[in-house]
């Protein structure tokens, strides 16, 4: 390198050295200029994000909270709502109690008799029978002609024929059949349903009642009071289904065959009949003697094993019963639904009650087992009955009846309460031993 060029380089370095203090600010300025644009972009994005999340989102949350914030008097509305719930619960409890608060046949016996007079219990029996008679009268119940009636009429007819006539026997037979049919039809047209009170549990029992001591008499009255309530519901069911008819020939329910509570075959619910001859008629001594409701303390105690699994406990008492009817095939389901429906009753008066009768509803029947059987109208069981033109069947039902203990425990005889406890204890001991 020549000397002039070297001097130029030295001179340039001197100038650079002389202005080196400006180098750092210039670099910083350049870097700042380079960072300014992305910083501005990032700042705008950050502002937008902060506006969305911190301002708008939070403001929406605050607004929502303000919307959900209960009013200052909200507690009053909640209190009213809770009072409604409480009222509903109390109403349900009251209805359960009123379920069994029904009128008694006699208010002189329960929970214990006013005196030990035998006439007290015989009067109960009279009330039972007269009550059943009134129920049957209310549904226009009747019976078919008795054999005695037919024999009397046909006997008078036969005496008018000459034995010497060659046509008298055939004519007598034909005339007898026509007279029998006419008499049977007239009975069917005069009644809305066939019901014989003797086929209702308890009616025959109280007709032949024999006093056997105060405790047994009180228990007989108690269980037959339960039976009366059940019979009343069955008759009311028939009345409801037959409401549009006044003749058996057109009534949907033609005949009530029986209402009973006992059975020697709990699996099927059939009633074992032991018959004896009294010289005038044949009767079932088992039915007349002790056919009355009994409490179902275990599932083995009923007429069938209950699908409901309901037995007596601290809240309810359970009874099984058997009812058989002849009815049109068109109303089988309707009859079953009506039987399990609600009915109105007058609430039993309490001491000090003021005012007229009060009413409540009860719905206590559940069907556990049903059986439908065709019938032979020419059979002895149906020979004198006229059912009209409808196809008819026999409907056999085993049902349970539930009593609310709150509604009648205050009048339940003490001996009945004790018998429930005594019967449960041995079974409990057997269960413990089995474990």
Foldseek 3Di string as FASTA:
>chain_A
DDDVVVVVVVVVVVVCVVPVVVVVVVVVVVVCVVVVVVVVVVVVVVVVVCCVVVPVVVVVVVVVVVVVDDDPCVVVVVVVVVVVVVVVVVVVVVQQQLQFQFAFLDPQCFQHHPDFDPVVLLSLLVSLQVLVVVLCVVQQEFAFDDPVVLCVVLVVVLVPDDPPDPCSVVVSVVVSVVVLLVRLQVRQFRGLAYEDCVQEFSNLLSVPDDDDGRVVSSVVSVQVRVSSVLVSLLSVLQCVQQVPDGGLQPGQFHYWRHKWADDPQLAQLDHDFDWDDPPPDIGGCVRNPDTTWDWFAALVPGSHRAPVRDGDDPWKTKTKMKIKTKGFPVCPVVSQVSSQDKDKHWRHDDPPDDDDTDMHIHGFKDWRDKDKAADDCCDPVNVRHDRHDGRIIMMMTMMMGMHTCSNPVNGHHPVSVVVSVVVVVVVVVVVVVVD
